[in-house]
Protein backbone atom coordinates (compact mmCIF):
# COMPACT_ATOMS: atom_id res chain seq x y z
CA MET A 1 -24.38 -5.11 -25.04
CA PRO A 2 -23.69 -6.79 -22.23
CA ARG A 3 -19.46 -5.89 -22.32
CA PHE A 4 -21.08 -2.37 -22.51
CA ARG A 5 -23.34 -2.16 -19.85
CA GLU A 6 -20.01 -3.81 -17.97
CA THR A 7 -18.05 -1.35 -18.79
CA VAL A 8 -20.20 1.05 -18.07
CA ARG A 9 -21.14 0.21 -14.38
CA THR A 10 -17.06 -0.32 -13.68
CA LEU A 11 -16.65 3.52 -14.65
CA LEU A 12 -19.71 4.53 -12.22
CA ARG A 13 -18.53 2.36 -9.54
CA GLU A 14 -14.75 4.07 -10.31
CA ARG A 15 -16.41 7.35 -9.77
CA LEU A 16 -18.46 6.53 -6.80
CA LEU A 17 -15.28 5.32 -4.76
CA ASP A 18 -13.47 8.67 -5.91
CA ALA A 19 -16.40 10.65 -4.53
CA ALA A 20 -15.89 8.91 -1.37
CA TYR A 21 -12.58 9.41 -1.17
CA GLU A 22 -12.29 12.85 -1.45
CA THR A 23 -14.69 12.89 1.58
CA VAL A 24 -13.02 10.29 3.86
CA ALA A 25 -9.65 12.03 3.12
CA ASP A 26 -10.63 15.36 3.80
CA ARG A 27 -12.85 14.84 7.11
CA GLY A 28 -12.78 10.84 7.70
CA PHE A 29 -14.96 8.17 7.43
CA ASP A 30 -17.28 9.28 10.31
CA LYS A 31 -18.28 12.03 7.91
CA LEU A 32 -18.92 10.16 4.76
CA ARG A 33 -22.87 10.28 3.53
CA MET A 34 -23.91 8.08 1.39
CA ALA A 35 -26.69 11.38 -0.23
CA HIS A 36 -23.30 13.04 -0.54
CA VAL A 37 -21.27 10.56 -2.62
CA ALA A 38 -24.57 10.02 -4.78
CA GLY A 39 -24.78 13.68 -5.69
CA ALA A 40 -21.15 14.69 -6.13
CA VAL A 41 -21.44 11.85 -9.09
CA GLY A 42 -25.08 12.97 -10.26
CA VAL A 43 -26.84 9.96 -9.41
CA SER A 44 -29.84 8.47 -7.58
CA ARG A 45 -29.01 7.24 -4.42
CA GLN A 46 -30.75 4.20 -5.95
CA THR A 47 -28.19 3.99 -8.15
CA LEU A 48 -25.83 4.06 -5.71
CA TYR A 49 -26.84 1.60 -3.28
CA SER A 50 -27.54 -0.78 -6.24
CA GLU A 51 -23.47 -0.87 -6.32
CA PHE A 52 -22.81 -0.56 -2.50
CA PRO A 53 -25.25 -1.55 -0.68
CA SER A 54 -23.95 -0.02 2.77
CA LYS A 55 -21.73 2.90 3.84
CA GLU A 56 -19.61 -0.09 5.38
CA ALA A 57 -19.52 -1.38 1.73
CA VAL A 58 -18.09 1.53 0.44
CA GLY A 59 -15.51 1.68 3.05
CA GLU A 60 -14.57 -1.96 1.92
CA ALA A 61 -14.42 -1.15 -1.48
CA LEU A 62 -11.79 1.66 -0.75
CA PHE A 63 -9.85 -0.39 1.38
CA GLN A 64 -9.18 -3.03 -1.48
CA ARG A 65 -8.92 -0.61 -4.12
CA GLU A 66 -5.88 1.70 -2.27
CA LEU A 67 -4.29 -1.51 -1.13
CA GLU A 68 -4.00 -3.15 -4.73
CA ARG A 69 -2.99 -0.11 -6.09
CA CYS A 70 -0.16 0.15 -3.29
CA LEU A 71 0.26 -3.41 -3.87
CA VAL A 72 0.84 -2.90 -7.69
CA GLY A 73 3.49 -0.39 -7.45
CA ILE A 74 4.92 -2.44 -4.95
CA GLN A 75 5.64 -5.04 -7.07
CA GLU A 76 6.62 -2.40 -10.31
CA GLY A 77 9.43 -1.51 -8.11
CA LEU A 78 10.75 -4.98 -7.13
CA ASP A 79 10.23 -6.09 -10.93
CA ALA A 80 12.33 -3.10 -11.76
CA HIS A 81 15.27 -4.35 -10.20
CA ARG A 82 14.98 -8.31 -9.88
CA ASP A 83 18.86 -8.88 -10.42
CA ASP A 84 20.03 -6.34 -7.62
CA LEU A 85 18.29 -7.48 -3.91
CA ARG A 86 19.33 -3.74 -2.51
CA ALA A 87 17.63 -1.65 -5.82
CA ALA A 88 14.63 -3.53 -5.33
CA VAL A 89 14.30 -2.80 -1.90
CA GLU A 90 14.86 0.47 -1.99
CA ALA A 91 12.38 1.02 -4.67
CA ALA A 92 9.23 -0.90 -3.03
CA VAL A 93 9.90 0.89 0.08
CA GLY A 94 10.34 4.38 -1.48
CA PHE A 95 7.23 3.94 -3.66
CA THR A 96 4.90 2.71 -0.53
CA LEU A 97 6.98 6.25 1.81
CA THR A 98 5.76 8.68 -1.08
CA LEU A 99 2.74 7.44 -1.39
CA ALA A 100 1.73 7.15 1.75
CA SER A 101 2.81 10.72 2.50
CA ARG A 102 0.25 11.75 -0.05
CA ASN A 103 -2.65 9.31 0.69
CA PRO A 104 -4.07 9.05 4.42
CA LEU A 105 -5.58 5.64 3.36
CA ILE A 106 -2.85 4.25 2.77
CA ARG A 107 -1.20 5.77 5.74
CA ALA A 108 -4.17 4.50 7.90
CA MET A 109 -4.04 0.90 5.99
CA LEU A 110 -0.55 0.13 6.97
CA THR A 111 -0.08 1.37 10.52
CA SER A 112 -3.48 1.27 12.48
CA THR A 113 -3.07 5.37 12.68
CA GLY A 114 -5.65 8.20 11.76
CA GLU A 115 -5.16 11.52 12.22
CA ASP A 116 -7.88 13.05 14.61
CA GLY A 117 -10.00 10.15 14.12
CA LEU A 118 -9.45 9.90 10.41
CA LEU A 119 -10.45 6.89 8.65
CA SER A 120 -11.48 5.06 11.87
CA TYR A 121 -13.42 2.48 9.84
CA LEU A 122 -10.37 1.59 7.72
CA THR A 123 -7.89 1.24 10.26
CA THR A 124 -9.21 -1.71 12.08
CA ARG A 125 -8.52 -3.81 8.71
CA SER A 126 -4.98 -2.34 8.50
CA ALA A 127 -3.81 -6.24 10.45
CA ALA A 128 -5.16 -7.75 7.01
CA ALA A 129 -3.24 -4.59 4.59
CA PHE A 130 0.07 -5.84 6.68
CA ASP A 131 -0.59 -9.29 6.57
CA THR A 132 -1.26 -9.18 2.78
CA ALA A 133 1.97 -6.91 2.12
CA THR A 134 4.31 -9.46 4.01
CA ALA A 135 2.77 -12.16 2.66
CA MET A 136 3.02 -10.68 -1.04
CA ALA A 137 7.11 -9.67 -0.26
CA ASP A 138 8.20 -12.94 1.25
CA ALA A 139 6.38 -15.11 -1.93
CA TYR A 140 8.27 -12.58 -3.99
CA ALA A 141 11.55 -12.80 -2.40
CA ALA A 142 11.37 -16.42 -2.47
CA GLU A 143 10.86 -16.81 -6.35
CA ALA A 144 13.46 -13.90 -7.20
CA TRP A 145 15.96 -14.72 -4.63
CA PRO A 146 16.50 -18.45 -3.89
CA THR A 147 19.65 -18.45 -2.64
CA ILE A 148 19.02 -16.43 0.26
CA ASP A 149 18.89 -18.78 3.09
CA PRO A 150 14.89 -19.11 4.15
CA VAL A 151 15.15 -17.68 7.81
CA ALA A 152 17.15 -15.00 7.03
CA ARG A 153 14.56 -14.17 3.98
CA GLU A 154 11.47 -14.27 6.21
CA LEU A 155 13.26 -12.15 8.90
CA ALA A 156 14.42 -9.86 6.07
CA VAL A 157 10.89 -9.52 4.61
CA ASP A 158 9.40 -8.86 8.14
CA ALA A 159 12.04 -6.20 8.96
CA ALA A 160 11.24 -4.68 5.68
CA VAL A 161 7.56 -3.97 6.38
CA ARG A 162 7.83 -3.09 9.72
CA LEU A 163 10.29 -0.60 9.30
CA THR A 164 8.79 1.11 6.40
CA ALA A 165 5.50 0.93 8.68
CA SER A 166 7.77 2.91 11.38
CA HIS A 167 8.94 5.41 8.88
CA ILE A 168 4.96 6.04 7.52
CA VAL A 169 4.52 6.85 11.46
CA GLN A 170 7.45 9.25 12.11
CA ALA A 171 9.27 9.73 9.27
CA GLY A 172 12.74 11.08 10.51
CA ALA A 173 14.01 11.71 6.98
CA SER A 174 12.92 12.09 3.58
CA PRO A 175 11.06 9.12 1.40
CA GLU A 176 14.43 8.60 -0.64
CA GLU A 177 16.75 8.56 2.26
CA SER A 178 14.99 6.48 4.68
CA ALA A 179 14.32 3.75 1.62
CA ARG A 180 17.91 3.66 1.25
CA ARG A 181 18.37 3.34 4.94
CA ILE A 182 16.05 0.63 5.04
CA ALA A 183 17.18 -1.23 2.04
CA ASP A 184 20.66 -1.46 3.70
CA THR A 185 19.06 -3.03 6.49
CA VAL A 186 17.15 -5.16 4.90
CA VAL A 187 19.89 -6.70 2.80
CA ARG A 188 21.99 -7.20 5.61
CA VAL A 189 19.66 -9.48 7.69
CA ALA A 190 19.09 -11.09 4.18
CA LEU A 191 22.64 -11.85 3.81
CA SER A 192 22.99 -12.48 7.58
CA THR A 193 23.61 -16.67 6.83
CA GLY A 194 25.44 -16.13 3.91
CA GLY A 195 24.64 -17.93 0.73
CA ALA A 196 24.28 -15.06 -1.70
CA THR A 197 25.71 -11.58 -2.64
CA VAL A 198 24.21 -8.17 -3.98
CA PRO A 199 26.36 -5.58 -5.26
CA PRO A 200 27.91 -2.99 -2.94
CA PRO A 201 25.66 0.21 -2.09
CA ARG A 202 25.86 2.79 -4.36
CA ALA A 203 27.56 5.82 -3.24
CA THR A 204 25.54 8.66 -2.22
CA PRO A 205 25.97 11.94 -4.49
CA ALA A 206 27.73 14.48 -2.73
């Protein structure tokens, strides 16, 4: 019985966050109303407040959920190309750019920019998201590519995160093309002191 109740509570929590996400994505965090969230899911406000005691708690939960989804996708992209630095970076960056183009919460969290005041609450957490993404990427790179000089690796990771955020703010090309360019830059930085090799860039289809 305890497991069943826990499962039900988890499902309820996800439904509440889904309802909150729709409002925040469409109209901004300042337009979010707890009563509307409860009504959208069909529960009482008392039930909602038992899960999230305040509007800010909903915002924090949304932030954590979207950040985790983003980081999982980045991890999967890296894991799929563990033996190819360029391909791994391209996959991870491509995933992030594509996700940000579709998900305003991710875009705001990674860039500190909201459109017309959108997500003003969540953008204050963007520094934490930026630092988390950088730390995760650096830890992964240290394990997956140990032959790369530590200083060059740190610079490459920083370049990858900052260039990705820059392309989210002002995209000059498609996510695929931007990811390819960022990956080429990151590889050059990573190998700037020598000590490791990667396959040459893949030919761009005519």
